PDB file of N, CA and C in Angstrom:
ATOM      1  N   MET A   1     -15.306 -40.953 -79.826  1.00  0.00           N
ATOM      2  CA  MET A   1     -14.991 -42.345 -79.560  1.00  0.00           C
ATOM      3  C   MET A   1     -13.615 -42.659 -80.153  1.00  0.00           C
ATOM      4  N   GLU A   2     -12.753 -43.138 -79.317  1.00  0.00           N
ATOM      5  CA  GLU A   2     -11.403 -43.463 -79.772  1.00  0.00           C
ATOM      6  C   GLU A   2     -11.315 -44.934 -80.159  1.00  0.00           C
ATOM      7  N   PHE A   3     -10.585 -45.168 -81.209  1.00  0.00           N
ATOM      8  CA  PHE A   3     -10.337 -46.543 -81.626  1.00  0.00           C
ATOM      9  C   PHE A   3      -8.876 -46.852 -81.359  1.00  0.00           C
ATOM     10  N   LYS A   4      -8.639 -47.811 -80.505  1.00  0.00           N
ATOM     11  CA  LYS A   4      -7.262 -48.189 -80.192  1.00  0.00           C
ATOM     12  C   LYS A   4      -6.988 -49.557 -80.804  1.00  0.00           C
ATOM     13  N   LYS A   5      -5.952 -49.607 -81.582  1.00  0.00           N
ATOM     14  CA  LYS A   5      -5.573 -50.858 -82.229  1.00  0.00           C
ATOM     15  C   LYS A   5      -4.506 -51.521 -81.374  1.00  0.00           C
ATOM     16  N   ASP A   6      -4.816 -52.666 -80.837  1.00  0.00           N
ATOM     17  CA  ASP A   6      -3.886 -53.345 -79.940  1.00  0.00           C
ATOM     18  C   ASP A   6      -3.247 -54.516 -80.678  1.00  0.00           C
ATOM     19  N   LEU A   7      -1.955 -54.391 -80.918  1.00  0.00           N
ATOM     20  CA  LEU A   7      -1.227 -55.459 -81.592  1.00  0.00           C
ATOM     21  C   LEU A   7      -0.370 -56.190 -80.574  1.00  0.00           C
ATOM     22  N   THR A   8      -0.597 -57.466 -80.462  1.00  0.00           N
ATOM     23  CA  THR A   8       0.230 -58.261 -79.567  1.00  0.00           C
ATOM     24  C   THR A   8       1.548 -58.588 -80.259  1.00  0.00           C
ATOM     25  N   SER A   9       2.456 -59.156 -79.514  1.00  0.00           N
ATOM     26  CA  SER A   9       3.750 -59.497 -80.116  1.00  0.00           C
ATOM     27  C   SER A   9       3.582 -60.557 -81.205  1.00  0.00           C
ATOM     28  N   PHE A  10       2.586 -61.442 -81.049  1.00  0.00           N
ATOM     29  CA  PHE A  10       2.334 -62.439 -82.089  1.00  0.00           C
ATOM     30  C   PHE A  10       1.856 -61.761 -83.369  1.00  0.00           C
ATOM     31  N   ASP A  11       0.954 -60.795 -83.230  1.00  0.00           N
ATOM     32  CA  ASP A  11       0.471 -60.065 -84.405  1.00  0.00           C
ATOM     33  C   ASP A  11       1.607 -59.338 -85.101  1.00  0.00           C
ATOM     34  N   ARG A  12       2.464 -58.716 -84.301  1.00  0.00           N
ATOM     35  CA  ARG A  12       3.593 -57.986 -84.880  1.00  0.00           C
ATOM     36  C   ARG A  12       4.529 -58.934 -85.623  1.00  0.00           C
ATOM     37  N   SER A  13       4.851 -60.053 -84.996  1.00  0.00           N
ATOM     38  CA  SER A  13       5.774 -60.993 -85.646  1.00  0.00           C
ATOM     39  C   SER A  13       5.151 -61.592 -86.904  1.00  0.00           C
ATOM     40  N   LEU A  14       3.845 -61.820 -86.883  1.00  0.00           N
ATOM     41  CA  LEU A  14       3.169 -62.354 -88.063  1.00  0.00           C
ATOM     42  C   LEU A  14       3.204 -61.344 -89.211  1.00  0.00           C
ATOM     43  N   ARG A  15       2.978 -60.082 -88.909  1.00  0.00           N
ATOM     44  CA  ARG A  15       3.018 -59.055 -89.951  1.00  0.00           C
ATOM     45  C   ARG A  15       4.425 -58.896 -90.520  1.00  0.00           C
ATOM     46  N   VAL A  16       5.432 -58.924 -89.656  1.00  0.00           N
ATOM     47  CA  VAL A  16       6.814 -58.808 -90.128  1.00  0.00           C
ATOM     48  C   VAL A  16       7.169 -60.007 -91.000  1.00  0.00           C
ATOM     49  N   THR A  17       6.759 -61.203 -90.579  1.00  0.00           N
ATOM     50  CA  THR A  17       7.048 -62.413 -91.353  1.00  0.00           C
ATOM     51  C   THR A  17       6.378 -62.366 -92.722  1.00  0.00           C
ATOM     52  N   MET A  18       5.113 -61.980 -92.753  1.00  0.00           N
ATOM     53  CA  MET A  18       4.411 -61.905 -94.036  1.00  0.00           C
ATOM     54  C   MET A  18       4.998 -60.811 -94.929  1.00  0.00           C
ATOM     55  N   GLY A  19       5.410 -59.701 -94.326  1.00  0.00           N
ATOM     56  CA  GLY A  19       6.047 -58.639 -95.106  1.00  0.00           C
ATOM     57  C   GLY A  19       7.340 -59.103 -95.742  1.00  0.00           C
ATOM     58  N   LEU A  20       8.156 -59.804 -94.954  1.00  0.00           N
ATOM     59  CA  LEU A  20       9.408 -60.337 -95.496  1.00  0.00           C
ATOM     60  C   LEU A  20       9.145 -61.385 -96.569  1.00  0.00           C
ATOM     61  N   PHE A  21       8.095 -62.188 -96.381  1.00  0.00           N
ATOM     62  CA  PHE A  21       7.732 -63.198 -97.373  1.00  0.00           C
ATOM     63  C   PHE A  21       7.355 -62.540 -98.701  1.00  0.00           C
ATOM     64  N   LEU A  22       6.526 -61.492 -98.641  1.00  0.00           N
ATOM     65  CA  LEU A  22       6.098 -60.827 -99.877  1.00  0.00           C
ATOM     66  C   LEU A  22       7.266 -60.134-100.572  1.00  0.00           C
ATOM     67  N   ILE A  23       8.130 -59.492 -99.799  1.00  0.00           N
ATOM     68  CA  ILE A  23       9.298 -58.847-100.401  1.00  0.00           C
ATOM     69  C   ILE A  23      10.247 -59.900-100.972  1.00  0.00           C
ATOM     70  N   GLY A  24      10.357 -61.044-100.298  1.00  0.00           N
ATOM     71  CA  GLY A  24      11.176 -62.139-100.820  1.00  0.00           C
ATOM     72  C   GLY A  24      10.644 -62.674-102.139  1.00  0.00           C
ATOM     73  N   LEU A  25       9.314 -62.716-102.276  1.00  0.00           N
ATOM     74  CA  LEU A  25       8.729 -63.137-103.555  1.00  0.00           C
ATOM     75  C   LEU A  25       9.133 -62.191-104.679  1.00  0.00           C
ATOM     76  N   VAL A  26       9.177 -60.904-104.378  1.00  0.00           N
ATOM     77  CA  VAL A  26       9.538 -59.923-105.408  1.00  0.00           C
ATOM     78  C   VAL A  26      11.017 -60.034-105.758  1.00  0.00           C
ATOM     79  N   ILE A  27      11.862 -60.177-104.742  1.00  0.00           N
ATOM     80  CA  ILE A  27      13.310 -60.186-104.983  1.00  0.00           C
ATOM     81  C   ILE A  27      13.767 -61.504-105.610  1.00  0.00           C
ATOM     82  N   LEU A  28      13.361 -62.622-105.018  1.00  0.00           N
ATOM     83  CA  LEU A  28      13.848 -63.922-105.488  1.00  0.00           C
ATOM     84  C   LEU A  28      13.091 -64.446-106.702  1.00  0.00           C
ATOM     85  N   GLN A  29      11.844 -64.069-106.854  1.00  0.00           N
ATOM     86  CA  GLN A  29      10.972 -64.476-107.956  1.00  0.00           C
ATOM     87  C   GLN A  29      11.010 -65.976-108.241  1.00  0.00           C
ATOM     88  N   PRO A  30      10.466 -66.789-107.333  1.00  0.00           N
ATOM     89  CA  PRO A  30      10.373 -68.220-107.618  1.00  0.00           C
ATOM     90  C   PRO A  30       9.396 -68.514-108.761  1.00  0.00           C
ATOM     91  N   VAL A  31       8.464 -67.601-108.981  1.00  0.00           N
ATOM     92  CA  VAL A  31       7.571 -67.680-110.146  1.00  0.00           C
ATOM     93  C   VAL A  31       7.702 -66.365-110.898  1.00  0.00           C
ATOM     94  N   LEU A  32       7.483 -66.410-112.195  1.00  0.00           N
ATOM     95  CA  LEU A  32       7.614 -65.196-112.999  1.00  0.00           C
ATOM     96  C   LEU A  32       6.427 -64.271-112.745  1.00  0.00           C
ATOM     97  N   LEU A  33       6.726 -63.024-112.445  1.00  0.00           N
ATOM     98  CA  LEU A  33       5.693 -62.021-112.202  1.00  0.00           C
ATOM     99  C   LEU A  33       5.929 -60.842-113.131  1.00  0.00           C
ATOM    100  N   ASN A  34       4.832 -60.264-113.633  1.00  0.00           N
ATOM    101  CA  ASN A  34       5.032 -59.050-114.423  1.00  0.00           C
ATOM    102  C   ASN A  34       5.241 -57.872-113.476  1.00  0.00           C
ATOM    103  N   SER A  35       5.624 -56.735-114.020  1.00  0.00           N
ATOM    104  CA  SER A  35       6.048 -55.610-113.178  1.00  0.00           C
ATOM    105  C   SER A  35       4.914 -55.063-112.315  1.00  0.00           C
ATOM    106  N   THR A  36       3.673 -55.166-112.782  1.00  0.00           N
ATOM    107  CA  THR A  36       2.553 -54.679-111.974  1.00  0.00           C
ATOM    108  C   THR A  36       2.431 -55.483-110.688  1.00  0.00           C
ATOM    109  N   TRP A  37       2.502 -56.799-110.780  1.00  0.00           N
ATOM    110  CA  TRP A  37       2.410 -57.636-109.583  1.00  0.00           C
ATOM    111  C   TRP A  37       3.618 -57.451-108.680  1.00  0.00           C
ATOM    112  N   GLN A  38       4.777 -57.198-109.259  1.00  0.00           N
ATOM    113  CA  GLN A  38       5.964 -56.938-108.438  1.00  0.00           C
ATOM    114  C   GLN A  38       5.772 -55.689-107.592  1.00  0.00           C
ATOM    115  N   ILE A  39       5.232 -54.647-108.190  1.00  0.00           N
ATOM    116  CA  ILE A  39       4.996 -53.402-107.452  1.00  0.00           C
ATOM    117  C   ILE A  39       3.947 -53.611-106.370  1.00  0.00           C
ATOM    118  N   VAL A  40       2.865 -54.311-106.704  1.00  0.00           N
ATOM    119  CA  VAL A  40       1.794 -54.558-105.729  1.00  0.00           C
ATOM    120  C   VAL A  40       2.320 -55.351-104.542  1.00  0.00           C
ATOM    121  N   LEU A  41       3.050 -56.428-104.798  1.00  0.00           N
ATOM    122  CA  LEU A  41       3.575 -57.250-103.705  1.00  0.00           C
ATOM    123  C   LEU A  41       4.612 -56.500-102.880  1.00  0.00           C
ATOM    124  N   ALA A  42       5.437 -55.697-103.532  1.00  0.00           N
ATOM    125  CA  ALA A  42       6.445 -54.933-102.794  1.00  0.00           C
ATOM    126  C   ALA A  42       5.787 -53.907-101.878  1.00  0.00           C
ATOM    127  N   VAL A  43       4.771 -53.215-102.366  1.00  0.00           N
ATOM    128  CA  VAL A  43       4.082 -52.218-101.541  1.00  0.00           C
ATOM    129  C   VAL A  43       3.347 -52.891-100.386  1.00  0.00           C
ATOM    130  N   MET A  44       2.691 -54.016-100.654  1.00  0.00           N
ATOM    131  CA  MET A  44       2.019 -54.740 -99.573  1.00  0.00           C
ATOM    132  C   MET A  44       3.021 -55.217 -98.530  1.00  0.00           C
ATOM    133  N   GLY A  45       4.156 -55.736 -98.984  1.00  0.00           N
ATOM    134  CA  GLY A  45       5.180 -56.213 -98.059  1.00  0.00           C
ATOM    135  C   GLY A  45       5.751 -55.099 -97.211  1.00  0.00           C
ATOM    136  N   LEU A  46       6.031 -53.953 -97.828  1.00  0.00           N
ATOM    137  CA  LEU A  46       6.551 -52.815 -97.066  1.00  0.00           C
ATOM    138  C   LEU A  46       5.511 -52.288 -96.083  1.00  0.00           C
ATOM    139  N   GLY A  47       4.254 -52.301 -96.478  1.00  0.00           N
ATOM    140  CA  GLY A  47       3.191 -51.872 -95.566  1.00  0.00           C
ATOM    141  C   GLY A  47       3.067 -52.790 -94.367  1.00  0.00           C
ATOM    142  N   MET A  48       3.167 -54.091 -94.597  1.00  0.00           N
ATOM    143  CA  MET A  48       3.097 -55.037 -93.480  1.00  0.00           C
ATOM    144  C   MET A  48       4.299 -54.890 -92.558  1.00  0.00           C
ATOM    145  N   LEU A  49       5.479 -54.665 -93.136  1.00  0.00           N
ATOM    146  CA  LEU A  49       6.661 -54.427 -92.304  1.00  0.00           C
ATOM    147  C   LEU A  49       6.496 -53.162 -91.470  1.00  0.00           C
ATOM    148  N   ALA A  50       5.967 -52.116 -92.079  1.00  0.00           N
ATOM    149  CA  ALA A  50       5.773 -50.861 -91.349  1.00  0.00           C
ATOM    150  C   ALA A  50       4.780 -51.044 -90.208  1.00  0.00           C
ATOM    151  N   GLU A  51       3.703 -51.792 -90.456  1.00  0.00           N
ATOM    152  CA  GLU A  51       2.737 -52.054 -89.387  1.00  0.00           C
ATOM    153  C   GLU A  51       3.348 -52.902 -88.281  1.00  0.00           C
ATOM    154  N   GLY A  52       4.158 -53.862 -88.666  1.00  0.00           N
ATOM    155  CA  GLY A  52       4.759 -54.737 -87.667  1.00  0.00           C
ATOM    156  C   GLY A  52       5.783 -54.039 -86.800  1.00  0.00           C
ATOM    157  N   PHE A  53       6.536 -53.110 -87.394  1.00  0.00           N
ATOM    158  CA  PHE A  53       7.578 -52.416 -86.635  1.00  0.00           C
ATOM    159  C   PHE A  53       7.088 -51.131 -85.978  1.00  0.00           C
ATOM    160  N   ASN A  54       5.858 -50.713 -86.276  1.00  0.00           N
ATOM    161  CA  ASN A  54       5.329 -49.487 -85.686  1.00  0.00           C
ATOM    162  C   ASN A  54       5.058 -49.723 -84.200  1.00  0.00           C
ATOM    163  N   THR A  55       5.656 -48.919 -83.348  1.00  0.00           N
ATOM    164  CA  THR A  55       5.514 -49.122 -81.899  1.00  0.00           C
ATOM    165  C   THR A  55       4.623 -48.074 -81.250  1.00  0.00           C
ATOM    166  N   ARG A  56       3.896 -47.300 -82.037  1.00  0.00           N
ATOM    167  CA  ARG A  56       3.012 -46.289 -81.450  1.00  0.00           C
ATOM    168  C   ARG A  56       1.765 -46.907 -80.847  1.00  0.00           C
ATOM    169  N   TYR A  57       1.392 -48.097 -81.242  1.00  0.00           N
ATOM    170  CA  TYR A  57       0.155 -48.707 -80.734  1.00  0.00           C
ATOM    171  C   TYR A  57       0.352 -49.191 -79.323  1.00  0.00           C
TER     172      TYR A  57
END
């Protein structure tokens, strides 16, 4: 049984937007974050960007 993940353009744009938002939180730091949260948010943001820009689906 194959599982096909179908991402519409809205889903892709939402993932890219959220990824940029999370990376922006790490870079601009509107609130103080310790280094553990910075790493977690950066990895989540990069993962969302990768999912949004992945065109194999």
